[in-house]
Amino acid sequence: WDGLSAYLYDGNLQIDNNLCENALRGVALGRKNYLFAGSHEAAQRAAMIYSFFAICRKHEVNPFQWLKYTLENIMSINHKNLKDLYPQNYKKIVQKSNM
């Protein structure tokens, strides 16, 4: 009973884990869909795209704008600065260019 009522004494604890389950729902659905991707390589590519889009959502980046920017700039960027094209770094680059 003490474990079940712990959230009453700590305001940081949630009464349920709905946020975690909702975040994982896409992974579970994707896992089932990957069975019908056509090949193992196609499923891996789809998983990578889903991962990038999940990172975009986490960092509040528009996936279309990020992907467009990445495809337009990937050929001109130095391989040492490739991390600048990651979704988590995209906002910083866009903010610098808007200044």
PDB file of N, CA and C in Angstrom:
ATOM      1  N   TRP A   1       0.821  -1.188   0.000  1.00  0.00           N
ATOM      2  CA  TRP A   1       0.000   0.000   0.000  1.00  0.00           C
ATOM      3  C   TRP A   1       0.867   1.255   0.000  1.00  0.00           C
ATOM      4  N   ASP A   2       1.989   1.214   0.708  1.00  0.00           N
ATOM      5  CA  ASP A   2       2.879   2.378   0.734  1.00  0.00           C
ATOM      6  C   ASP A   2       3.377   2.720  -0.669  1.00  0.00           C
ATOM      7  N   GLY A   3       3.729   1.722  -1.442  1.00  0.00           N
ATOM      8  CA  GLY A   3       4.204   1.956  -2.806  1.00  0.00           C
ATOM      9  C   GLY A   3       3.121   2.546  -3.701  1.00  0.00           C
ATOM     10  N   LEU A   4       1.894   2.102  -3.507  1.00  0.00           N
ATOM     11  CA  LEU A   4       0.791   2.605  -4.326  1.00  0.00           C
ATOM     12  C   LEU A   4       0.418   4.043  -3.982  1.00  0.00           C
ATOM     13  N   SER A   5       0.615   4.441  -2.750  1.00  0.00           N
ATOM     14  CA  SER A   5       0.220   5.790  -2.346  1.00  0.00           C
ATOM     15  C   SER A   5       1.400   6.766  -2.310  1.00  0.00           C
ATOM     16  N   ALA A   6       2.562   6.377  -2.801  1.00  0.00           N
ATOM     17  CA  ALA A   6       3.748   7.237  -2.770  1.00  0.00           C
ATOM     18  C   ALA A   6       3.527   8.534  -3.539  1.00  0.00           C
ATOM     19  N   TYR A   7       2.730   8.509  -4.612  1.00  0.00           N
ATOM     20  CA  TYR A   7       2.508   9.717  -5.402  1.00  0.00           C
ATOM     21  C   TYR A   7       1.767  10.794  -4.614  1.00  0.00           C
ATOM     22  N   LEU A   8       1.103  10.414  -3.546  1.00  0.00           N
ATOM     23  CA  LEU A   8       0.391  11.394  -2.724  1.00  0.00           C
ATOM     24  C   LEU A   8       1.355  12.300  -1.956  1.00  0.00           C
ATOM     25  N   TYR A   9       2.562  11.805  -1.714  1.00  0.00           N
ATOM     26  CA  TYR A   9       3.519  12.541  -0.892  1.00  0.00           C
ATOM     27  C   TYR A   9       4.596  13.252  -1.710  1.00  0.00           C
ATOM     28  N   ASP A  10       4.673  12.946  -2.990  1.00  0.00           N
ATOM     29  CA  ASP A  10       5.675  13.572  -3.857  1.00  0.00           C
ATOM     30  C   ASP A  10       4.979  14.114  -5.099  1.00  0.00           C
ATOM     31  N   GLY A  11       4.964  15.428  -5.239  1.00  0.00           N
ATOM     32  CA  GLY A  11       4.285  16.071  -6.355  1.00  0.00           C
ATOM     33  C   GLY A  11       4.908  15.781  -7.711  1.00  0.00           C
ATOM     34  N   ASN A  12       6.130  15.267  -7.746  1.00  0.00           N
ATOM     35  CA  ASN A  12       6.780  14.944  -9.011  1.00  0.00           C
ATOM     36  C   ASN A  12       6.318  13.608  -9.580  1.00  0.00           C
ATOM     37  N   LEU A  13       5.707  12.780  -8.777  1.00  0.00           N
ATOM     38  CA  LEU A  13       5.265  11.459  -9.232  1.00  0.00           C
ATOM     39  C   LEU A  13       3.870  11.543  -9.837  1.00  0.00           C
ATOM     40  N   GLN A  14       3.666  10.797 -10.917  1.00  0.00           N
ATOM     41  CA  GLN A  14       2.368  10.739 -11.582  1.00  0.00           C
ATOM     42  C   GLN A  14       1.566   9.565 -11.030  1.00  0.00           C
ATOM     43  N   ILE A  15       0.259   9.674 -11.090  1.00  0.00           N
ATOM     44  CA  ILE A  15      -0.602   8.598 -10.602  1.00  0.00           C
ATOM     45  C   ILE A  15      -0.597   7.411 -11.567  1.00  0.00           C
ATOM     46  N   ASP A  16      -0.273   7.667 -12.835  1.00  0.00           N
ATOM     47  CA  ASP A  16      -0.228   6.581 -13.815  1.00  0.00           C
ATOM     48  C   ASP A  16       0.959   6.788 -14.756  1.00  0.00           C
ATOM     49  N   ASN A  17       1.129   5.868 -15.679  1.00  0.00           N
ATOM     50  CA  ASN A  17       2.243   5.965 -16.616  1.00  0.00           C
ATOM     51  C   ASN A  17       1.749   6.190 -18.043  1.00  0.00           C
ATOM     52  N   ASN A  18       0.629   6.892 -18.204  1.00  0.00           N
ATOM     53  CA  ASN A  18       0.052   7.127 -19.529  1.00  0.00           C
ATOM     54  C   ASN A  18       1.003   7.863 -20.461  1.00  0.00           C
ATOM     55  N   LEU A  19       1.776   8.819 -19.947  1.00  0.00           N
ATOM     56  CA  LEU A  19       2.706   9.550 -20.814  1.00  0.00           C
ATOM     57  C   LEU A  19       3.737   8.620 -21.427  1.00  0.00           C
ATOM     58  N   CYS A  20       4.263   7.705 -20.626  1.00  0.00           N
ATOM     59  CA  CYS A  20       5.246   6.735 -21.138  1.00  0.00           C
ATOM     60  C   CYS A  20       4.607   5.789 -22.141  1.00  0.00           C
ATOM     61  N   GLU A  21       3.439   5.301 -21.829  1.00  0.00           N
ATOM     62  CA  GLU A  21       2.781   4.355 -22.730  1.00  0.00           C
ATOM     63  C   GLU A  21       2.405   5.019 -24.044  1.00  0.00           C
ATOM     64  N   ASN A  22       1.951   6.260 -23.997  1.00  0.00           N
ATOM     65  CA  ASN A  22       1.619   6.967 -25.233  1.00  0.00           C
ATOM     66  C   ASN A  22       2.865   7.207 -26.081  1.00  0.00           C
ATOM     67  N   ALA A  23       3.988   7.498 -25.445  1.00  0.00           N
ATOM     68  CA  ALA A  23       5.233   7.719 -26.180  1.00  0.00           C
ATOM     69  C   ALA A  23       5.701   6.440 -26.864  1.00  0.00           C
ATOM     70  N   LEU A  24       5.437   5.294 -26.275  1.00  0.00           N
ATOM     71  CA  LEU A  24       5.879   4.014 -26.838  1.00  0.00           C
ATOM     72  C   LEU A  24       4.889   3.402 -27.830  1.00  0.00           C
ATOM     73  N   ARG A  25       3.695   3.961 -27.918  1.00  0.00           N
ATOM     74  CA  ARG A  25       2.672   3.380 -28.792  1.00  0.00           C
ATOM     75  C   ARG A  25       3.139   3.344 -30.245  1.00  0.00           C
ATOM     76  N   GLY A  26       3.759   4.419 -30.714  1.00  0.00           N
ATOM     77  CA  GLY A  26       4.247   4.458 -32.090  1.00  0.00           C
ATOM     78  C   GLY A  26       5.284   3.392 -32.366  1.00  0.00           C
ATOM     79  N   VAL A  27       6.126   3.127 -31.387  1.00  0.00           N
ATOM     80  CA  VAL A  27       7.151   2.085 -31.542  1.00  0.00           C
ATOM     81  C   VAL A  27       6.491   0.718 -31.688  1.00  0.00           C
ATOM     82  N   ALA A  28       5.487   0.466 -30.871  1.00  0.00           N
ATOM     83  CA  ALA A  28       4.801  -0.828 -30.928  1.00  0.00           C
ATOM     84  C   ALA A  28       4.065  -0.998 -32.258  1.00  0.00           C
ATOM     85  N   LEU A  29       3.409   0.050 -32.730  1.00  0.00           N
ATOM     86  CA  LEU A  29       2.721  -0.039 -34.019  1.00  0.00           C
ATOM     87  C   LEU A  29       3.718  -0.203 -35.157  1.00  0.00           C
ATOM     88  N   GLY A  30       4.808   0.547 -35.087  1.00  0.00           N
ATOM     89  CA  GLY A  30       5.837   0.448 -36.113  1.00  0.00           C
ATOM     90  C   GLY A  30       6.433  -0.938 -36.167  1.00  0.00           C
ATOM     91  N   ARG A  31       6.676  -1.522 -35.016  1.00  0.00           N
ATOM     92  CA  ARG A  31       7.269  -2.862 -34.958  1.00  0.00           C
ATOM     93  C   ARG A  31       6.413  -3.856 -35.735  1.00  0.00           C
ATOM     94  N   LYS A  32       5.104  -3.726 -35.600  1.00  0.00           N
ATOM     95  CA  LYS A  32       4.211  -4.625 -36.319  1.00  0.00           C
ATOM     96  C   LYS A  32       4.249  -4.318 -37.821  1.00  0.00           C
ATOM     97  N   ASN A  33       4.315  -3.031 -38.170  1.00  0.00           N
ATOM     98  CA  ASN A  33       4.335  -2.657 -39.583  1.00  0.00           C
ATOM     99  C   ASN A  33       5.642  -3.034 -40.272  1.00  0.00           C
ATOM    100  N   TYR A  34       6.736  -3.081 -39.527  1.00  0.00           N
ATOM    101  CA  TYR A  34       8.021  -3.419 -40.133  1.00  0.00           C
ATOM    102  C   TYR A  34       8.032  -4.830 -40.687  1.00  0.00           C
ATOM    103  N   LEU A  35       7.140  -5.687 -40.217  1.00  0.00           N
ATOM    104  CA  LEU A  35       7.062  -7.050 -40.728  1.00  0.00           C
ATOM    105  C   LEU A  35       6.685  -7.067 -42.203  1.00  0.00           C
ATOM    106  N   PHE A  36       6.030  -5.988 -42.666  1.00  0.00           N
ATOM    107  CA  PHE A  36       5.534  -5.936 -44.038  1.00  0.00           C
ATOM    108  C   PHE A  36       6.274  -4.881 -44.856  1.00  0.00           C
ATOM    109  N   ALA A  37       7.510  -4.573 -44.500  1.00  0.00           N
ATOM    110  CA  ALA A  37       8.285  -3.535 -45.184  1.00  0.00           C
ATOM    111  C   ALA A  37       8.846  -4.014 -46.514  1.00  0.00           C
ATOM    112  N   GLY A  38       8.835  -5.293 -46.782  1.00  0.00           N
ATOM    113  CA  GLY A  38       9.340  -5.818 -48.035  1.00  0.00           C
ATOM    114  C   GLY A  38      10.674  -6.517 -47.879  1.00  0.00           C
ATOM    115  N   SER A  39      11.543  -5.953 -47.053  1.00  0.00           N
ATOM    116  CA  SER A  39      12.838  -6.578 -46.815  1.00  0.00           C
ATOM    117  C   SER A  39      13.386  -6.070 -45.485  1.00  0.00           C
ATOM    118  N   HIS A  40      14.412  -6.747 -45.018  1.00  0.00           N
ATOM    119  CA  HIS A  40      15.034  -6.346 -43.757  1.00  0.00           C
ATOM    120  C   HIS A  40      15.641  -4.946 -43.883  1.00  0.00           C
ATOM    121  N   GLU A  41      16.273  -4.664 -45.011  1.00  0.00           N
ATOM    122  CA  GLU A  41      16.906  -3.358 -45.228  1.00  0.00           C
ATOM    123  C   GLU A  41      15.862  -2.240 -45.271  1.00  0.00           C
ATOM    124  N   ALA A  42      14.736  -2.496 -45.920  1.00  0.00           N
ATOM    125  CA  ALA A  42      13.663  -1.495 -45.979  1.00  0.00           C
ATOM    126  C   ALA A  42      13.113  -1.216 -44.588  1.00  0.00           C
ATOM    127  N   ALA A  43      12.982  -2.239 -43.783  1.00  0.00           N
ATOM    128  CA  ALA A  43      12.500  -2.052 -42.410  1.00  0.00           C
ATOM    129  C   ALA A  43      13.491  -1.234 -41.604  1.00  0.00           C
ATOM    130  N   GLN A  44      14.792  -1.461 -41.804  1.00  0.00           N
ATOM    131  CA  GLN A  44      15.802  -0.677 -41.092  1.00  0.00           C
ATOM    132  C   GLN A  44      15.750   0.790 -41.516  1.00  0.00           C
ATOM    133  N   ARG A  45      15.566   1.053 -42.812  1.00  0.00           N
ATOM    134  CA  ARG A  45      15.470   2.437 -43.281  1.00  0.00           C
ATOM    135  C   ARG A  45      14.233   3.112 -42.706  1.00  0.00           C
ATOM    136  N   ALA A  46      13.117   2.395 -42.682  1.00  0.00           N
ATOM    137  CA  ALA A  46      11.892   2.953 -42.110  1.00  0.00           C
ATOM    138  C   ALA A  46      12.082   3.258 -40.624  1.00  0.00           C
ATOM    139  N   ALA A  47      12.745   2.378 -39.913  1.00  0.00           N
ATOM    140  CA  ALA A  47      12.994   2.597 -38.484  1.00  0.00           C
ATOM    141  C   ALA A  47      13.861   3.833 -38.269  1.00  0.00           C
ATOM    142  N   MET A  48      14.847   4.050 -39.148  1.00  0.00           N
ATOM    143  CA  MET A  48      15.698   5.237 -39.014  1.00  0.00           C
ATOM    144  C   MET A  48      14.887   6.515 -39.230  1.00  0.00           C
ATOM    145  N   ILE A  49      14.019   6.503 -40.232  1.00  0.00           N
ATOM    146  CA  ILE A  49      13.185   7.685 -40.496  1.00  0.00           C
ATOM    147  C   ILE A  49      12.251   7.940 -39.320  1.00  0.00           C
ATOM    148  N   TYR A  50      11.635   6.877 -38.795  1.00  0.00           N
ATOM    149  CA  TYR A  50      10.779   7.037 -37.613  1.00  0.00           C
ATOM    150  C   TYR A  50      11.575   7.619 -36.447  1.00  0.00           C
ATOM    151  N   SER A  51      12.802   7.191 -36.287  1.00  0.00           N
ATOM    152  CA  SER A  51      13.642   7.699 -35.199  1.00  0.00           C
ATOM    153  C   SER A  51      13.917   9.184 -35.365  1.00  0.00           C
ATOM    154  N   PHE A  52      14.258   9.594 -36.595  1.00  0.00           N
ATOM    155  CA  PHE A  52      14.500  11.014 -36.831  1.00  0.00           C
ATOM    156  C   PHE A  52      13.247  11.835 -36.564  1.00  0.00           C
ATOM    157  N   PHE A  53      12.093  11.329 -36.994  1.00  0.00           N
ATOM    158  CA  PHE A  53      10.857  12.068 -36.757  1.00  0.00           C
ATOM    159  C   PHE A  53      10.510  12.132 -35.270  1.00  0.00           C
ATOM    160  N   ALA A  54      10.821  11.084 -34.533  1.00  0.00           N
ATOM    161  CA  ALA A  54      10.597  11.105 -33.085  1.00  0.00           C
ATOM    162  C   ALA A  54      11.505  12.137 -32.421  1.00  0.00           C
ATOM    163  N   ILE A  55      12.753  12.237 -32.894  1.00  0.00           N
ATOM    164  CA  ILE A  55      13.669  13.239 -32.347  1.00  0.00           C
ATOM    165  C   ILE A  55      13.158  14.642 -32.675  1.00  0.00           C
ATOM    166  N   CYS A  56      12.632  14.821 -33.898  1.00  0.00           N
ATOM    167  CA  CYS A  56      12.049  16.118 -34.266  1.00  0.00           C
ATOM    168  C   CYS A  56      10.907  16.482 -33.326  1.00  0.00           C
ATOM    169  N   ARG A  57      10.039  15.518 -33.060  1.00  0.00           N
ATOM    170  CA  ARG A  57       8.915  15.782 -32.159  1.00  0.00           C
ATOM    171  C   ARG A  57       9.416  16.136 -30.759  1.00  0.00           C
ATOM    172  N   LYS A  58      10.417  15.419 -30.289  1.00  0.00           N
ATOM    173  CA  LYS A  58      10.952  15.665 -28.947  1.00  0.00           C
ATOM    174  C   LYS A  58      11.531  17.073 -28.821  1.00  0.00           C
ATOM    175  N   HIS A  59      12.196  17.542 -29.879  1.00  0.00           N
ATOM    176  CA  HIS A  59      12.845  18.850 -29.836  1.00  0.00           C
ATOM    177  C   HIS A  59      11.998  19.953 -30.475  1.00  0.00           C
ATOM    178  N   GLU A  60      10.731  19.626 -30.764  1.00  0.00           N
ATOM    179  CA  GLU A  60       9.765  20.576 -31.324  1.00  0.00           C
ATOM    180  C   GLU A  60      10.267  21.206 -32.618  1.00  0.00           C
ATOM    181  N   VAL A  61      10.742  20.348 -33.514  1.00  0.00           N
ATOM    182  CA  VAL A  61      11.228  20.758 -34.829  1.00  0.00           C
ATOM    183  C   VAL A  61      10.247  20.242 -35.866  1.00  0.00           C
ATOM    184  N   ASN A  62       9.917  21.077 -36.846  1.00  0.00           N
ATOM    185  CA  ASN A  62       9.050  20.659 -37.933  1.00  0.00           C
ATOM    186  C   ASN A  62       9.815  19.657 -38.799  1.00  0.00           C
ATOM    187  N   PRO A  63       9.356  18.405 -38.902  1.00  0.00           N
ATOM    188  CA  PRO A  63      10.100  17.383 -39.637  1.00  0.00           C
ATOM    189  C   PRO A  63      10.293  17.727 -41.113  1.00  0.00           C
ATOM    190  N   PHE A  64       9.293  18.308 -41.749  1.00  0.00           N
ATOM    191  CA  PHE A  64       9.416  18.661 -43.163  1.00  0.00           C
ATOM    192  C   PHE A  64      10.487  19.719 -43.364  1.00  0.00           C
ATOM    193  N   GLN A  65      10.452  20.765 -42.549  1.00  0.00           N
ATOM    194  CA  GLN A  65      11.453  21.825 -42.673  1.00  0.00           C
ATOM    195  C   GLN A  65      12.848  21.297 -42.375  1.00  0.00           C
ATOM    196  N   TRP A  66      12.977  20.449 -41.359  1.00  0.00           N
ATOM    197  CA  TRP A  66      14.280  19.877 -41.024  1.00  0.00           C
ATOM    198  C   TRP A  66      14.810  19.011 -42.161  1.00  0.00           C
ATOM    199  N   LEU A  67      13.954  18.138 -42.701  1.00  0.00           N
ATOM    200  CA  LEU A  67      14.386  17.244 -43.767  1.00  0.00           C
ATOM    201  C   LEU A  67      14.759  18.035 -45.021  1.00  0.00           C
ATOM    202  N   LYS A  68      13.979  19.065 -45.344  1.00  0.00           N
ATOM    203  CA  LYS A  68      14.281  19.916 -46.495  1.00  0.00           C
ATOM    204  C   LYS A  68      15.637  20.587 -46.309  1.00  0.00           C
ATOM    205  N   TYR A  69      15.855  21.172 -45.142  1.00  0.00           N
ATOM    206  CA  TYR A  69      17.125  21.834 -44.841  1.00  0.00           C
ATOM    207  C   TYR A  69      18.284  20.836 -44.928  1.00  0.00           C
ATOM    208  N   THR A  70      18.097  19.664 -44.382  1.00  0.00           N
ATOM    209  CA  THR A  70      19.147  18.650 -44.370  1.00  0.00           C
ATOM    210  C   THR A  70      19.514  18.222 -45.788  1.00  0.00           C
ATOM    211  N   LEU A  71      18.513  17.939 -46.613  1.00  0.00           N
ATOM    212  CA  LEU A  71      18.792  17.494 -47.975  1.00  0.00           C
ATOM    213  C   LEU A  71      19.432  18.596 -48.821  1.00  0.00           C
ATOM    214  N   GLU A  72      19.054  19.849 -48.541  1.00  0.00           N
ATOM    215  CA  GLU A  72      19.639  20.963 -49.284  1.00  0.00           C
ATOM    216  C   GLU A  72      21.089  21.236 -48.870  1.00  0.00           C
ATOM    217  N   ASN A  73      21.465  20.898 -47.640  1.00  0.00           N
ATOM    218  CA  ASN A  73      22.779  21.269 -47.128  1.00  0.00           C
ATOM    219  C   ASN A  73      23.745  20.114 -46.909  1.00  0.00           C
ATOM    220  N   ILE A  74      23.313  18.904 -47.082  1.00  0.00           N
ATOM    221  CA  ILE A  74      24.169  17.771 -46.735  1.00  0.00           C
ATOM    222  C   ILE A  74      25.412  17.678 -47.628  1.00  0.00           C
ATOM    223  N   MET A  75      25.301  18.097 -48.880  1.00  0.00           N
ATOM    224  CA  MET A  75      26.450  18.004 -49.791  1.00  0.00           C
ATOM    225  C   MET A  75      27.499  19.083 -49.510  1.00  0.00           C
ATOM    226  N   SER A  76      27.086  20.205 -48.940  1.00  0.00           N
ATOM    227  CA  SER A  76      28.021  21.313 -48.764  1.00  0.00           C
ATOM    228  C   SER A  76      28.636  21.369 -47.368  1.00  0.00           C
ATOM    229  N   ILE A  77      28.222  20.488 -46.493  1.00  0.00           N
ATOM    230  CA  ILE A  77      28.707  20.556 -45.114  1.00  0.00           C
ATOM    231  C   ILE A  77      29.958  19.688 -44.952  1.00  0.00           C
ATOM    232  N   ASN A  78      30.863  20.163 -44.142  1.00  0.00           N
ATOM    233  CA  ASN A  78      32.075  19.414 -43.813  1.00  0.00           C
ATOM    234  C   ASN A  78      31.683  18.186 -42.989  1.00  0.00           C
ATOM    235  N   HIS A  79      32.309  17.058 -43.252  1.00  0.00           N
ATOM    236  CA  HIS A  79      31.944  15.827 -42.528  1.00  0.00           C
ATOM    237  C   HIS A  79      32.143  15.965 -41.017  1.00  0.00           C
ATOM    238  N   LYS A  80      33.024  16.864 -40.593  1.00  0.00           N
ATOM    239  CA  LYS A  80      33.239  17.074 -39.152  1.00  0.00           C
ATOM    240  C   LYS A  80      32.066  17.804 -38.512  1.00  0.00           C
ATOM    241  N   ASN A  81      31.284  18.509 -39.326  1.00  0.00           N
ATOM    242  CA  ASN A  81      30.133  19.267 -38.819  1.00  0.00           C
ATOM    243  C   ASN A  81      28.809  18.582 -39.128  1.00  0.00           C
ATOM    244  N   LEU A  82      28.849  17.312 -39.437  1.00  0.00           N
ATOM    245  CA  LEU A  82      27.643  16.583 -39.802  1.00  0.00           C
ATOM    246  C   LEU A  82      26.598  16.607 -38.694  1.00  0.00           C
ATOM    247  N   LYS A  83      27.054  16.680 -37.453  1.00  0.00           N
ATOM    248  CA  LYS A  83      26.116  16.715 -36.326  1.00  0.00           C
ATOM    249  C   LYS A  83      25.248  17.969 -36.349  1.00  0.00           C
ATOM    250  N   ASP A  84      25.684  19.002 -37.052  1.00  0.00           N
ATOM    251  CA  ASP A  84      24.870  20.212 -37.167  1.00  0.00           C
ATOM    252  C   ASP A  84      23.550  19.938 -37.877  1.00  0.00           C
ATOM    253  N   LEU A  85      23.495  18.875 -38.651  1.00  0.00           N
ATOM    254  CA  LEU A  85      22.273  18.541 -39.380  1.00  0.00           C
ATOM    255  C   LEU A  85      21.297  17.705 -38.555  1.00  0.00           C
ATOM    256  N   TYR A  86      21.696  17.277 -37.375  1.00  0.00           N
ATOM    257  CA  TYR A  86      20.794  16.497 -36.527  1.00  0.00           C
ATOM    258  C   TYR A  86      19.603  17.356 -36.114  1.00  0.00           C
ATOM    259  N   PRO A  87      18.435  16.742 -35.950  1.00  0.00           N
ATOM    260  CA  PRO A  87      17.250  17.517 -35.558  1.00  0.00           C
ATOM    261  C   PRO A  87      17.440  18.321 -34.268  1.00  0.00           C
ATOM    262  N   GLN A  88      18.161  17.771 -33.300  1.00  0.00           N
ATOM    263  CA  GLN A  88      18.327  18.483 -32.035  1.00  0.00           C
ATOM    264  C   GLN A  88      19.189  19.731 -32.195  1.00  0.00           C
ATOM    265  N   ASN A  89      19.980  19.822 -33.253  1.00  0.00           N
ATOM    266  CA  ASN A  89      20.821  20.995 -33.490  1.00  0.00           C
ATOM    267  C   ASN A  89      20.225  21.935 -34.530  1.00  0.00           C
ATOM    268  N   TYR A  90      19.183  21.522 -35.210  1.00  0.00           N
ATOM    269  CA  TYR A  90      18.565  22.301 -36.280  1.00  0.00           C
ATOM    270  C   TYR A  90      18.055  23.650 -35.784  1.00  0.00           C
ATOM    271  N   LYS A  91      17.392  23.670 -34.625  1.00  0.00           N
ATOM    272  CA  LYS A  91      16.841  24.925 -34.091  1.00  0.00           C
ATOM    273  C   LYS A  91      17.926  25.960 -33.876  1.00  0.00           C
ATOM    274  N   LYS A  92      19.073  25.545 -33.361  1.00  0.00           N
ATOM    275  CA  LYS A  92      20.169  26.473 -33.111  1.00  0.00           C
ATOM    276  C   LYS A  92      20.658  27.103 -34.405  1.00  0.00           C
ATOM    277  N   ILE A  93      20.777  26.297 -35.440  1.00  0.00           N
ATOM    278  CA  ILE A  93      21.257  26.791 -36.735  1.00  0.00           C
ATOM    279  C   ILE A  93      20.268  27.759 -37.355  1.00  0.00           C
ATOM    280  N   VAL A  94      18.995  27.428 -37.292  1.00  0.00           N
ATOM    281  CA  VAL A  94      17.955  28.289 -37.865  1.00  0.00           C
ATOM    282  C   VAL A  94      17.888  29.603 -37.109  1.00  0.00           C
ATOM    283  N   GLN A  95      18.018  29.560 -35.785  1.00  0.00           N
ATOM    284  CA  GLN A  95      17.982  30.791 -34.994  1.00  0.00           C
ATOM    285  C   GLN A  95      19.171  31.675 -35.322  1.00  0.00           C
ATOM    286  N   LYS A  96      20.345  31.092 -35.549  1.00  0.00           N
ATOM    287  CA  LYS A  96      21.529  31.875 -35.906  1.00  0.00           C
ATOM    288  C   LYS A  96      21.353  32.554 -37.262  1.00  0.00           C
ATOM    289  N   SER A  97      20.751  31.819 -38.221  1.00  0.00           N
ATOM    290  CA  SER A  97      20.588  32.375 -39.562  1.00  0.00           C
ATOM    291  C   SER A  97      19.516  33.457 -39.619  1.00  0.00           C
ATOM    292  N   ASN A  98      18.571  33.425 -38.654  1.00  0.00           N
ATOM    293  CA  ASN A  98      17.512  34.441 -38.626  1.00  0.00           C
ATOM    294  C   ASN A  98      17.950  35.728 -37.950  1.00  0.00           C
ATOM    295  N   MET A  99      19.101  35.698 -37.296  1.00  0.00           N
ATOM    296  CA  MET A  99      19.574  36.894 -36.595  1.00  0.00           C
ATOM    297  C   MET A  99      20.257  37.848 -37.514  1.00  0.00           C
TER     298      MET A  99
END
